[in-house]
């Protein structure tokens, strides 16, 4: 039998398709045989370590009326009372009513425990006016706001300064309060006392 070149190409292509098809059928059959095999398939489990980047501690600075002012590490979720205890506890003159002992502490926070002397309540029985002058150690926010150049922000700064640093020793000490400079002092000097 003599075949032309075209016929040989057709025969080779047909044989190739038949061989390929037979291989596919044989492969599926082998896969079925393998899947029906009773040997259990063993899989390996990889241990994946998950890193927890959540901080476990917070760092706070405890100062004021405590036995040992310093920087302390506390577990996340700690409250102001925990921070004070870490600093050796409050001193005898500490005014713990003036701060929120149950407040959660934040990382990097400064906790200043005031003394009873420095935390004079605005409703103090001692008069905040003396000879018509406003006593900057006892004046309420409302009274401080009557002074020229002293608004709510500066008034609150004066009260916070008293709580943190204690009573003013002289009227000029008010210039130590943030936002109150010599020009403001000149305006209020004749109107204030300690």
N, C-alpha and C. Protein backbone atom coordinates (compact mmCIF):
# COMPACT_ATOMS: atom_id res chain seq x y z
N UNK A 1 0.85 -1.19 0.00
CA UNK A 1 0.00 0.00 0.00
C UNK A 1 0.89 1.23 0.00
N UNK A 2 0.69 2.04 -0.99
CA UNK A 2 1.43 3.29 -1.06
C UNK A 2 0.52 4.43 -0.61
N UNK A 3 0.99 5.15 0.41
CA UNK A 3 0.23 6.31 0.92
C UNK A 3 0.95 7.58 0.51
N UNK A 4 0.12 8.57 0.20
CA UNK A 4 0.72 9.86 -0.14
C UNK A 4 1.12 10.57 1.16
N UNK A 5 1.86 11.61 1.03
CA UNK A 5 2.33 12.36 2.20
C UNK A 5 1.15 12.88 3.01
N UNK A 6 0.10 13.34 2.35
CA UNK A 6 -1.08 13.86 3.05
C UNK A 6 -1.75 12.75 3.84
N UNK A 7 -1.83 11.58 3.25
CA UNK A 7 -2.48 10.46 3.94
C UNK A 7 -1.67 10.06 5.18
N UNK A 8 -0.33 10.06 5.05
CA UNK A 8 0.51 9.73 6.22
C UNK A 8 0.29 10.74 7.36
N UNK A 9 0.16 11.99 7.02
CA UNK A 9 -0.05 13.01 8.06
C UNK A 9 -1.38 12.78 8.74
N UNK A 10 -2.42 12.45 7.99
CA UNK A 10 -3.74 12.19 8.58
C UNK A 10 -3.66 10.98 9.49
N UNK A 11 -2.96 9.93 9.07
CA UNK A 11 -2.84 8.70 9.88
C UNK A 11 -2.10 9.02 11.19
N UNK A 12 -1.02 9.78 11.12
CA UNK A 12 -0.23 10.11 12.32
C UNK A 12 -1.07 10.93 13.29
N UNK A 13 -1.84 11.86 12.74
CA UNK A 13 -2.68 12.71 13.61
C UNK A 13 -3.74 11.85 14.27
N UNK A 14 -4.39 10.95 13.53
CA UNK A 14 -5.42 10.09 14.11
C UNK A 14 -4.84 9.18 15.18
N UNK A 15 -3.71 8.59 14.90
CA UNK A 15 -3.08 7.70 15.89
C UNK A 15 -2.72 8.49 17.15
N UNK A 16 -2.26 9.72 16.96
CA UNK A 16 -1.90 10.55 18.13
C UNK A 16 -3.13 10.83 18.98
N UNK A 17 -4.27 11.17 18.33
CA UNK A 17 -5.50 11.42 19.09
C UNK A 17 -5.96 10.18 19.83
N UNK A 18 -5.88 9.04 19.16
CA UNK A 18 -6.30 7.77 19.79
C UNK A 18 -5.42 7.46 20.99
N UNK A 19 -4.11 7.66 20.84
CA UNK A 19 -3.18 7.37 21.93
C UNK A 19 -3.43 8.32 23.10
N UNK A 20 -3.64 9.58 22.78
CA UNK A 20 -3.89 10.56 23.83
C UNK A 20 -5.18 10.25 24.58
N UNK A 21 -6.23 9.90 23.84
CA UNK A 21 -7.51 9.55 24.45
C UNK A 21 -7.39 8.31 25.32
N UNK A 22 -6.65 7.32 24.84
CA UNK A 22 -6.46 6.09 25.63
C UNK A 22 -5.71 6.41 26.91
N UNK A 23 -4.75 7.31 26.82
CA UNK A 23 -3.98 7.69 28.02
C UNK A 23 -4.86 8.39 29.04
N UNK A 24 -5.75 9.24 28.58
CA UNK A 24 -6.66 9.95 29.48
C UNK A 24 -7.59 8.97 30.18
N UNK A 25 -8.13 8.02 29.44
CA UNK A 25 -9.04 7.02 30.01
C UNK A 25 -8.29 6.18 31.03
N UNK A 26 -7.08 5.80 30.71
CA UNK A 26 -6.28 4.97 31.62
C UNK A 26 -5.96 5.77 32.89
N UNK A 27 -5.69 7.07 32.73
CA UNK A 27 -5.37 7.91 33.89
C UNK A 27 -6.56 8.05 34.82
N UNK A 28 -7.76 8.24 34.28
CA UNK A 28 -8.97 8.36 35.11
C UNK A 28 -9.25 7.05 35.82
N UNK A 29 -9.02 5.98 35.14
CA UNK A 29 -9.24 4.66 35.76
C UNK A 29 -8.28 4.45 36.91
N UNK A 30 -7.03 4.87 36.72
CA UNK A 30 -6.03 4.71 37.79
C UNK A 30 -6.40 5.60 38.97
N UNK A 31 -6.94 6.79 38.65
CA UNK A 31 -7.33 7.68 39.74
C UNK A 31 -8.47 7.09 40.53
N UNK A 32 -9.44 6.44 39.82
CA UNK A 32 -10.56 5.80 40.52
C UNK A 32 -10.06 4.66 41.39
N UNK A 33 -9.12 3.88 40.86
CA UNK A 33 -8.58 2.76 41.63
C UNK A 33 -7.87 3.29 42.87
N UNK A 34 -7.12 4.38 42.68
CA UNK A 34 -6.36 4.93 43.81
C UNK A 34 -7.32 5.49 44.86
N UNK A 35 -8.42 6.14 44.42
CA UNK A 35 -9.34 6.73 45.39
C UNK A 35 -10.13 5.66 46.13
N UNK A 36 -10.33 4.50 45.50
CA UNK A 36 -11.07 3.44 46.18
C UNK A 36 -10.16 2.58 47.05
N UNK A 37 -8.87 2.84 46.99
CA UNK A 37 -7.92 2.10 47.82
C UNK A 37 -8.22 2.39 49.28
N UNK A 38 -8.11 1.40 50.16
CA UNK A 38 -8.48 1.55 51.56
C UNK A 38 -7.35 2.15 52.41
N UNK A 39 -6.22 2.43 51.81
CA UNK A 39 -5.12 3.01 52.57
C UNK A 39 -5.48 4.46 52.93
N UNK A 40 -5.43 4.83 54.23
CA UNK A 40 -5.79 6.20 54.61
C UNK A 40 -4.76 7.21 54.09
N UNK A 41 -5.27 8.35 53.74
CA UNK A 41 -4.39 9.42 53.27
C UNK A 41 -3.92 10.20 54.49
N UNK A 42 -2.61 10.36 54.62
CA UNK A 42 -2.04 11.07 55.76
C UNK A 42 -1.71 12.49 55.33
N UNK A 43 -2.26 13.44 56.07
CA UNK A 43 -1.94 14.85 55.78
C UNK A 43 -1.13 15.40 56.94
N UNK A 44 -0.28 16.33 56.64
CA UNK A 44 0.53 16.93 57.70
C UNK A 44 -0.05 18.29 58.04
N UNK A 45 -0.05 18.61 59.33
CA UNK A 45 -0.54 19.91 59.78
C UNK A 45 0.66 20.77 60.14
N UNK A 46 0.67 21.95 59.57
CA UNK A 46 1.74 22.87 59.90
C UNK A 46 1.28 23.74 61.07
N UNK A 47 2.17 23.97 62.01
CA UNK A 47 1.85 24.84 63.13
C UNK A 47 2.15 26.26 62.71
N UNK A 48 1.12 27.08 62.73
CA UNK A 48 1.27 28.48 62.35
C UNK A 48 1.24 29.31 63.61
N UNK A 49 2.31 30.08 63.83
CA UNK A 49 2.39 30.91 65.02
C UNK A 49 1.86 32.29 64.68
N UNK A 50 0.80 32.70 65.38
CA UNK A 50 0.20 34.01 65.14
C UNK A 50 0.76 34.97 66.18
N UNK A 51 1.36 36.03 65.68
CA UNK A 51 1.94 37.01 66.60
C UNK A 51 0.86 37.98 67.04
N UNK A 52 0.75 38.17 68.34
CA UNK A 52 -0.21 39.11 68.90
C UNK A 52 0.53 40.41 69.17
N UNK A 53 0.26 41.43 68.35
CA UNK A 53 0.94 42.71 68.49
C UNK A 53 0.25 43.64 69.48
N UNK A 54 -0.80 43.16 70.14
CA UNK A 54 -1.50 43.99 71.12
C UNK A 54 -0.59 44.22 72.32
N UNK A 55 -0.39 45.50 72.71
CA UNK A 55 0.49 45.74 73.86
C UNK A 55 -0.10 45.15 75.13
N UNK A 56 0.79 44.61 75.96
CA UNK A 56 0.35 43.99 77.21
C UNK A 56 0.52 44.94 78.40
N UNK A 57 1.30 46.01 78.21
CA UNK A 57 1.56 46.97 79.28
C UNK A 57 1.37 48.39 78.79
N UNK A 58 1.10 49.29 79.74
CA UNK A 58 1.11 50.72 79.47
C UNK A 58 2.13 51.36 80.41
N UNK A 59 2.73 52.44 79.96
CA UNK A 59 3.72 53.14 80.78
C UNK A 59 3.12 54.48 81.19
N UNK A 60 3.14 54.74 82.51
CA UNK A 60 2.57 55.98 83.03
C UNK A 60 3.54 56.65 83.99
N UNK A 61 3.41 57.97 84.10
CA UNK A 61 4.21 58.73 85.06
C UNK A 61 3.29 59.13 86.20
N UNK A 62 3.64 58.70 87.41
CA UNK A 62 2.82 59.02 88.58
C UNK A 62 3.59 60.03 89.43
N UNK A 63 2.96 61.17 89.73
CA UNK A 63 3.63 62.24 90.49
C UNK A 63 2.64 62.87 91.46
N UNK A 64 3.14 63.84 92.19
CA UNK A 64 2.30 64.55 93.14
C UNK A 64 2.34 63.90 94.51
N UNK A 65 1.17 63.81 95.14
CA UNK A 65 1.09 63.31 96.52
C UNK A 65 1.09 61.79 96.59
N UNK A 66 2.20 61.19 96.11
CA UNK A 66 2.42 59.75 96.22
C UNK A 66 3.76 59.51 96.89
N UNK A 67 3.97 58.29 97.41
CA UNK A 67 5.20 58.03 98.15
C UNK A 67 6.44 57.96 97.26
N UNK A 68 6.27 57.53 96.01
CA UNK A 68 7.43 57.44 95.12
C UNK A 68 7.03 57.82 93.70
N UNK A 69 7.24 59.09 93.35
CA UNK A 69 6.94 59.56 91.99
C UNK A 69 7.94 58.92 91.03
N UNK A 70 7.43 58.33 89.96
CA UNK A 70 8.31 57.69 88.97
C UNK A 70 7.48 57.23 87.79
N UNK A 71 8.17 56.64 86.82
CA UNK A 71 7.52 56.05 85.65
C UNK A 71 7.29 54.57 85.94
N UNK A 72 6.08 54.08 85.70
CA UNK A 72 5.73 52.70 86.01
C UNK A 72 5.06 52.02 84.83
N UNK A 73 5.27 50.70 84.75
CA UNK A 73 4.57 49.87 83.75
C UNK A 73 3.41 49.19 84.46
N UNK A 74 2.25 49.22 83.81
CA UNK A 74 1.05 48.59 84.36
C UNK A 74 0.40 47.76 83.27
N UNK A 75 -0.32 46.70 83.63
CA UNK A 75 -1.04 45.93 82.61
C UNK A 75 -2.11 46.77 81.93
N UNK A 76 -2.36 46.49 80.66
CA UNK A 76 -3.43 47.18 79.93
C UNK A 76 -4.73 46.98 80.69
N UNK A 77 -5.52 48.03 80.81
CA UNK A 77 -6.78 47.94 81.54
C UNK A 77 -6.68 48.40 82.98
N UNK A 78 -5.46 48.78 83.42
CA UNK A 78 -5.28 49.27 84.79
C UNK A 78 -5.98 50.61 84.96
N UNK A 79 -6.30 50.92 86.22
CA UNK A 79 -6.97 52.18 86.53
C UNK A 79 -6.04 53.07 87.35
N UNK A 80 -6.45 54.32 87.57
CA UNK A 80 -5.63 55.30 88.29
C UNK A 80 -5.27 54.77 89.68
N UNK A 81 -6.20 54.10 90.34
CA UNK A 81 -5.93 53.54 91.68
C UNK A 81 -4.76 52.56 91.63
N UNK A 82 -4.68 51.74 90.58
CA UNK A 82 -3.56 50.79 90.43
C UNK A 82 -2.24 51.53 90.29
N UNK A 83 -2.25 52.64 89.54
CA UNK A 83 -1.04 53.42 89.32
C UNK A 83 -0.54 54.03 90.63
N UNK A 84 -1.48 54.52 91.44
CA UNK A 84 -1.11 55.12 92.73
C UNK A 84 -0.52 54.06 93.65
N UNK A 85 -1.13 52.88 93.67
CA UNK A 85 -0.60 51.79 94.50
C UNK A 85 0.80 51.38 94.04
N UNK A 86 1.03 51.39 92.74
CA UNK A 86 2.34 51.03 92.19
C UNK A 86 3.39 52.05 92.64
N UNK A 87 2.97 53.30 92.86
CA UNK A 87 3.87 54.36 93.30
C UNK A 87 4.00 54.39 94.83
N UNK A 88 3.64 53.31 95.48
CA UNK A 88 3.79 53.22 96.93
C UNK A 88 2.60 53.71 97.72
N UNK A 89 1.56 54.12 97.01
CA UNK A 89 0.36 54.61 97.67
C UNK A 89 0.38 56.13 97.80
N UNK A 90 -0.75 56.67 98.20
CA UNK A 90 -0.89 58.12 98.36
C UNK A 90 -0.31 58.57 99.69
N UNK A 91 0.14 59.81 99.76
CA UNK A 91 0.63 60.37 101.02
C UNK A 91 -0.56 60.80 101.87
N UNK A 92 -0.30 61.17 103.12
CA UNK A 92 -1.37 61.55 104.05
C UNK A 92 -2.15 62.78 103.57
N UNK A 93 -1.44 63.70 102.90
CA UNK A 93 -2.12 64.94 102.48
C UNK A 93 -2.71 64.85 101.07
N UNK A 94 -2.74 63.65 100.49
CA UNK A 94 -3.30 63.48 99.14
C UNK A 94 -4.81 63.70 99.15
N UNK A 95 -5.29 64.35 98.12
CA UNK A 95 -6.73 64.57 97.97
C UNK A 95 -7.25 63.62 96.88
N UNK A 96 -7.58 62.40 97.28
CA UNK A 96 -8.00 61.37 96.33
C UNK A 96 -9.40 61.62 95.79
N UNK A 97 -10.16 62.47 96.46
CA UNK A 97 -11.51 62.79 95.99
C UNK A 97 -11.43 63.67 94.73
N UNK A 98 -10.33 64.37 94.58
CA UNK A 98 -10.19 65.32 93.45
C UNK A 98 -9.88 64.63 92.13
N UNK A 99 -9.55 63.33 92.17
CA UNK A 99 -9.24 62.62 90.92
C UNK A 99 -10.13 61.39 90.80
N UNK A 100 -10.28 60.90 89.59
CA UNK A 100 -11.12 59.73 89.34
C UNK A 100 -10.26 58.47 89.46
N UNK A 101 -10.36 57.78 90.58
CA UNK A 101 -9.55 56.59 90.83
C UNK A 101 -9.92 55.43 89.92
N UNK A 102 -11.14 55.45 89.37
CA UNK A 102 -11.61 54.34 88.53
C UNK A 102 -11.31 54.53 87.04
N UNK A 103 -10.73 55.67 86.68
CA UNK A 103 -10.46 55.94 85.26
C UNK A 103 -9.33 55.04 84.75
N UNK A 104 -9.52 54.47 83.55
CA UNK A 104 -8.48 53.63 82.95
C UNK A 104 -7.31 54.51 82.53
N UNK A 105 -6.09 54.01 82.77
CA UNK A 105 -4.91 54.78 82.39
C UNK A 105 -4.55 54.50 80.93
N UNK A 106 -3.95 55.49 80.31
CA UNK A 106 -3.53 55.40 78.91
C UNK A 106 -2.01 55.38 78.84
N UNK A 107 -1.47 54.75 77.81
CA UNK A 107 -0.03 54.70 77.64
C UNK A 107 0.53 56.12 77.48
N UNK A 108 1.57 56.43 78.25
CA UNK A 108 2.20 57.75 78.19
C UNK A 108 1.52 58.81 79.03
N UNK A 109 0.52 58.42 79.82
CA UNK A 109 -0.24 59.39 80.62
C UNK A 109 0.54 59.83 81.85
N UNK A 110 0.32 61.09 82.24
CA UNK A 110 0.88 61.62 83.49
C UNK A 110 -0.26 61.70 84.50
N UNK A 111 -0.08 61.06 85.64
CA UNK A 111 -1.10 61.07 86.69
C UNK A 111 -0.55 61.88 87.85
N UNK A 112 -1.16 63.03 88.12
CA UNK A 112 -0.72 63.89 89.21
C UNK A 112 -1.76 63.85 90.32
N UNK A 113 -1.33 63.37 91.49
CA UNK A 113 -2.23 63.29 92.64
C UNK A 113 -2.10 64.60 93.41
N UNK A 114 -3.18 65.40 93.50
CA UNK A 114 -3.09 66.69 94.20
C UNK A 114 -3.13 66.51 95.72
N UNK A 115 -2.66 67.54 96.40
CA UNK A 115 -2.77 67.54 97.87
C UNK A 115 -4.04 68.27 98.26
N UNK A 116 -4.48 68.03 99.48
CA UNK A 116 -5.71 68.70 99.96
C UNK A 116 -5.51 70.20 99.99
N UNK A 117 -4.32 70.65 100.33
CA UNK A 117 -4.03 72.08 100.41
C UNK A 117 -4.10 72.73 99.04
N UNK A 118 -3.59 72.04 97.99
CA UNK A 118 -3.55 72.65 96.67
C UNK A 118 -4.87 72.57 95.94
N UNK A 119 -5.76 71.71 96.37
CA UNK A 119 -7.03 71.53 95.66
C UNK A 119 -8.15 72.20 96.43
N UNK A 120 -8.10 73.50 96.50
CA UNK A 120 -9.12 74.26 97.21
C UNK A 120 -10.35 74.36 96.32
N UNK A 121 -11.47 73.95 96.84
CA UNK A 121 -12.70 73.93 96.04
C UNK A 121 -13.17 75.35 95.77
N UNK A 122 -13.76 75.56 94.59
CA UNK A 122 -14.27 76.90 94.27
C UNK A 122 -15.31 77.37 95.27
N UNK A 123 -16.03 76.46 95.90
CA UNK A 123 -17.08 76.84 96.84
C UNK A 123 -16.54 76.90 98.26
N UNK A 124 -15.27 77.21 98.39
CA UNK A 124 -14.63 77.27 99.70
C UNK A 124 -15.31 78.34 100.55
N UNK A 125 -15.35 78.07 101.88
CA UNK A 125 -16.01 79.01 102.78
C UNK A 125 -15.19 80.28 102.93
N UNK A 126 -13.86 80.19 102.66
CA UNK A 126 -13.06 81.41 102.75
C UNK A 126 -13.40 82.28 101.55
N UNK A 127 -13.53 83.56 101.80
CA UNK A 127 -13.94 84.47 100.73
C UNK A 127 -12.84 84.56 99.68
N UNK A 128 -13.26 84.53 98.42
CA UNK A 128 -12.28 84.64 97.34
C UNK A 128 -12.02 86.11 97.02
N UNK A 129 -12.74 87.02 97.68
CA UNK A 129 -12.49 88.45 97.48
C UNK A 129 -11.96 89.03 98.77
N UNK A 130 -10.90 89.83 98.64
CA UNK A 130 -10.27 90.45 99.79
C UNK A 130 -10.02 91.91 99.42
N UNK A 131 -10.69 92.83 100.12
CA UNK A 131 -10.59 94.26 99.80
C UNK A 131 -10.96 94.52 98.34
N UNK A 132 -11.94 93.79 97.82
CA UNK A 132 -12.37 93.96 96.45
C UNK A 132 -11.49 93.26 95.43
N UNK A 133 -10.41 92.65 95.88
CA UNK A 133 -9.50 91.92 94.98
C UNK A 133 -9.86 90.45 94.96
N UNK A 134 -9.59 89.80 93.83
CA UNK A 134 -9.89 88.37 93.69
C UNK A 134 -8.68 87.57 94.16
N UNK A 135 -8.94 86.65 95.10
CA UNK A 135 -7.88 85.78 95.60
C UNK A 135 -7.68 84.66 94.58
N UNK A 136 -6.52 84.66 93.92
CA UNK A 136 -6.28 83.68 92.86
C UNK A 136 -6.07 82.26 93.40
N UNK A 137 -5.96 82.12 94.71
CA UNK A 137 -5.83 80.79 95.31
C UNK A 137 -7.18 80.14 95.59
N UNK A 138 -8.23 80.94 95.67
CA UNK A 138 -9.53 80.38 96.03
C UNK A 138 -10.64 80.72 95.05
N UNK A 139 -10.37 81.57 94.09
CA UNK A 139 -11.39 82.04 93.15
C UNK A 139 -11.93 80.91 92.29
N UNK A 140 -13.23 80.97 92.02
CA UNK A 140 -13.87 80.01 91.11
C UNK A 140 -13.58 80.43 89.68
N UNK A 141 -13.91 79.57 88.74
CA UNK A 141 -13.72 79.88 87.33
C UNK A 141 -14.49 81.14 86.95
N UNK A 142 -15.72 81.24 87.43
CA UNK A 142 -16.56 82.40 87.12
C UNK A 142 -15.91 83.69 87.60
N UNK A 143 -15.33 83.66 88.80
CA UNK A 143 -14.67 84.85 89.34
C UNK A 143 -13.41 85.19 88.56
N UNK A 144 -12.65 84.18 88.20
CA UNK A 144 -11.42 84.41 87.43
C UNK A 144 -11.72 85.02 86.06
N UNK A 145 -12.84 84.62 85.49
CA UNK A 145 -13.22 85.12 84.16
C UNK A 145 -13.59 86.60 84.18
N UNK A 146 -13.82 87.17 85.36
CA UNK A 146 -14.13 88.60 85.44
C UNK A 146 -12.87 89.45 85.29
N UNK A 147 -11.72 88.84 85.39
CA UNK A 147 -10.46 89.56 85.25
C UNK A 147 -10.18 89.84 83.77
N UNK A 148 -9.64 91.02 83.45
CA UNK A 148 -9.34 91.33 82.04
C UNK A 148 -8.29 90.38 81.46
N UNK A 149 -8.59 89.85 80.28
CA UNK A 149 -7.65 88.96 79.61
C UNK A 149 -7.72 87.51 80.08
N UNK A 150 -8.59 87.22 81.05
CA UNK A 150 -8.74 85.85 81.56
C UNK A 150 -10.09 85.32 81.12
N UNK A 151 -10.06 84.37 80.21
CA UNK A 151 -11.29 83.72 79.76
C UNK A 151 -11.39 82.33 80.37
N UNK A 152 -12.23 81.51 79.78
CA UNK A 152 -12.44 80.16 80.31
C UNK A 152 -11.17 79.32 80.27
N UNK A 153 -10.42 79.40 79.15
CA UNK A 153 -9.21 78.58 79.00
C UNK A 153 -8.16 78.95 80.03
N UNK A 154 -7.88 80.26 80.16
CA UNK A 154 -6.86 80.69 81.12
C UNK A 154 -7.34 80.49 82.56
N UNK A 155 -8.64 80.68 82.78
CA UNK A 155 -9.19 80.44 84.12
C UNK A 155 -9.01 78.99 84.54
N UNK A 156 -9.32 78.07 83.63
CA UNK A 156 -9.12 76.64 83.92
C UNK A 156 -7.65 76.32 84.11
N UNK A 157 -6.77 77.00 83.37
CA UNK A 157 -5.33 76.77 83.52
C UNK A 157 -4.87 77.20 84.91
N UNK A 158 -5.42 78.30 85.43
CA UNK A 158 -5.07 78.76 86.78
C UNK A 158 -5.51 77.73 87.81
N UNK A 159 -6.74 77.24 87.67
CA UNK A 159 -7.26 76.23 88.63
C UNK A 159 -6.43 74.95 88.56
N UNK A 160 -6.08 74.51 87.35
CA UNK A 160 -5.27 73.30 87.20
C UNK A 160 -3.89 73.50 87.81
N UNK A 161 -3.32 74.69 87.63
CA UNK A 161 -2.01 74.99 88.21
C UNK A 161 -2.07 74.88 89.73
N UNK A 162 -3.15 75.41 90.33
CA UNK A 162 -3.30 75.32 91.79
C UNK A 162 -3.36 73.87 92.25
N UNK A 163 -4.09 73.04 91.48
CA UNK A 163 -4.22 71.63 91.85
C UNK A 163 -2.89 70.90 91.76
N UNK A 164 -2.11 71.25 90.75
CA UNK A 164 -0.85 70.54 90.50
C UNK A 164 0.29 71.05 91.36
N UNK A 165 0.40 72.38 91.49
CA UNK A 165 1.58 72.97 92.14
C UNK A 165 1.31 73.57 93.52
N UNK A 166 0.06 73.63 93.92
CA UNK A 166 -0.25 74.21 95.22
C UNK A 166 -0.60 75.68 95.07
N UNK A 167 -0.80 76.33 96.21
CA UNK A 167 -1.24 77.73 96.23
C UNK A 167 -0.14 78.65 95.71
N UNK A 168 -0.60 79.76 95.10
CA UNK A 168 0.34 80.78 94.66
C UNK A 168 0.90 81.48 95.89
N UNK A 169 2.21 81.72 95.91
CA UNK A 169 2.83 82.38 97.06
C UNK A 169 2.81 83.90 96.90
N UNK A 170 2.80 84.35 95.65
CA UNK A 170 2.70 85.79 95.38
C UNK A 170 1.83 85.95 94.13
N UNK A 171 1.33 87.16 93.93
CA UNK A 171 0.48 87.39 92.76
C UNK A 171 1.28 87.21 91.47
N UNK A 172 2.56 87.52 91.49
CA UNK A 172 3.39 87.40 90.29
C UNK A 172 3.54 85.94 89.85
N UNK A 173 3.35 84.99 90.79
CA UNK A 173 3.46 83.56 90.45
C UNK A 173 2.45 83.15 89.39
N UNK A 174 1.41 83.96 89.20
CA UNK A 174 0.41 83.61 88.18
C UNK A 174 1.02 83.58 86.78
N UNK A 175 2.15 84.26 86.61
CA UNK A 175 2.82 84.25 85.30
C UNK A 175 3.45 82.89 85.00
N UNK A 176 3.50 82.01 85.99
CA UNK A 176 3.98 80.63 85.77
C UNK A 176 2.93 79.78 85.06
N UNK A 177 1.69 80.26 85.05
CA UNK A 177 0.60 79.53 84.40
C UNK A 177 0.74 79.70 82.88
N UNK A 178 0.61 78.60 82.17
CA UNK A 178 0.73 78.62 80.71
C UNK A 178 -0.30 79.58 80.11
N UNK A 179 0.17 80.49 79.26
CA UNK A 179 -0.72 81.43 78.59
C UNK A 179 -0.87 82.76 79.28
N UNK A 180 -0.27 82.90 80.48
CA UNK A 180 -0.36 84.17 81.20
C UNK A 180 1.05 84.75 81.30
N UNK A 181 1.25 85.81 80.55
CA UNK A 181 2.56 86.46 80.54
C UNK A 181 2.54 87.77 81.30
N UNK A 182 3.63 88.52 81.14
CA UNK A 182 3.79 89.79 81.86
C UNK A 182 2.71 90.81 81.47
N UNK A 183 2.33 90.82 80.19
CA UNK A 183 1.33 91.80 79.74
C UNK A 183 -0.02 91.56 80.42
N UNK A 184 -0.41 90.28 80.50
CA UNK A 184 -1.68 89.94 81.18
C UNK A 184 -1.56 90.27 82.66
N UNK A 185 -0.40 89.98 83.25
CA UNK A 185 -0.20 90.25 84.68
C UNK A 185 -0.34 91.75 84.97
N UNK A 186 0.20 92.59 84.09
CA UNK A 186 0.10 94.04 84.29
C UNK A 186 -1.36 94.49 84.31
N UNK A 187 -2.22 93.84 83.50
CA UNK A 187 -3.63 94.21 83.45
C UNK A 187 -4.37 93.82 84.72
N UNK A 188 -3.97 92.69 85.35
CA UNK A 188 -4.73 92.15 86.47
C UNK A 188 -4.05 92.35 87.84
N UNK A 189 -2.82 92.83 87.83
CA UNK A 189 -2.04 92.93 89.07
C UNK A 189 -2.78 93.66 90.19
N UNK A 190 -3.42 94.76 89.87
CA UNK A 190 -4.12 95.57 90.89
C UNK A 190 -5.45 94.93 91.32
N UNK A 191 -5.89 93.91 90.60
CA UNK A 191 -7.19 93.32 90.88
C UNK A 191 -7.11 91.99 91.62
N UNK A 192 -5.89 91.48 91.83
CA UNK A 192 -5.76 90.13 92.44
C UNK A 192 -4.94 90.18 93.73
N UNK A 193 -5.13 89.11 94.50
CA UNK A 193 -4.38 88.96 95.75
C UNK A 193 -4.20 87.46 96.00
N UNK A 194 -3.35 87.13 97.01
CA UNK A 194 -3.18 85.72 97.42
C UNK A 194 -3.52 85.56 98.88
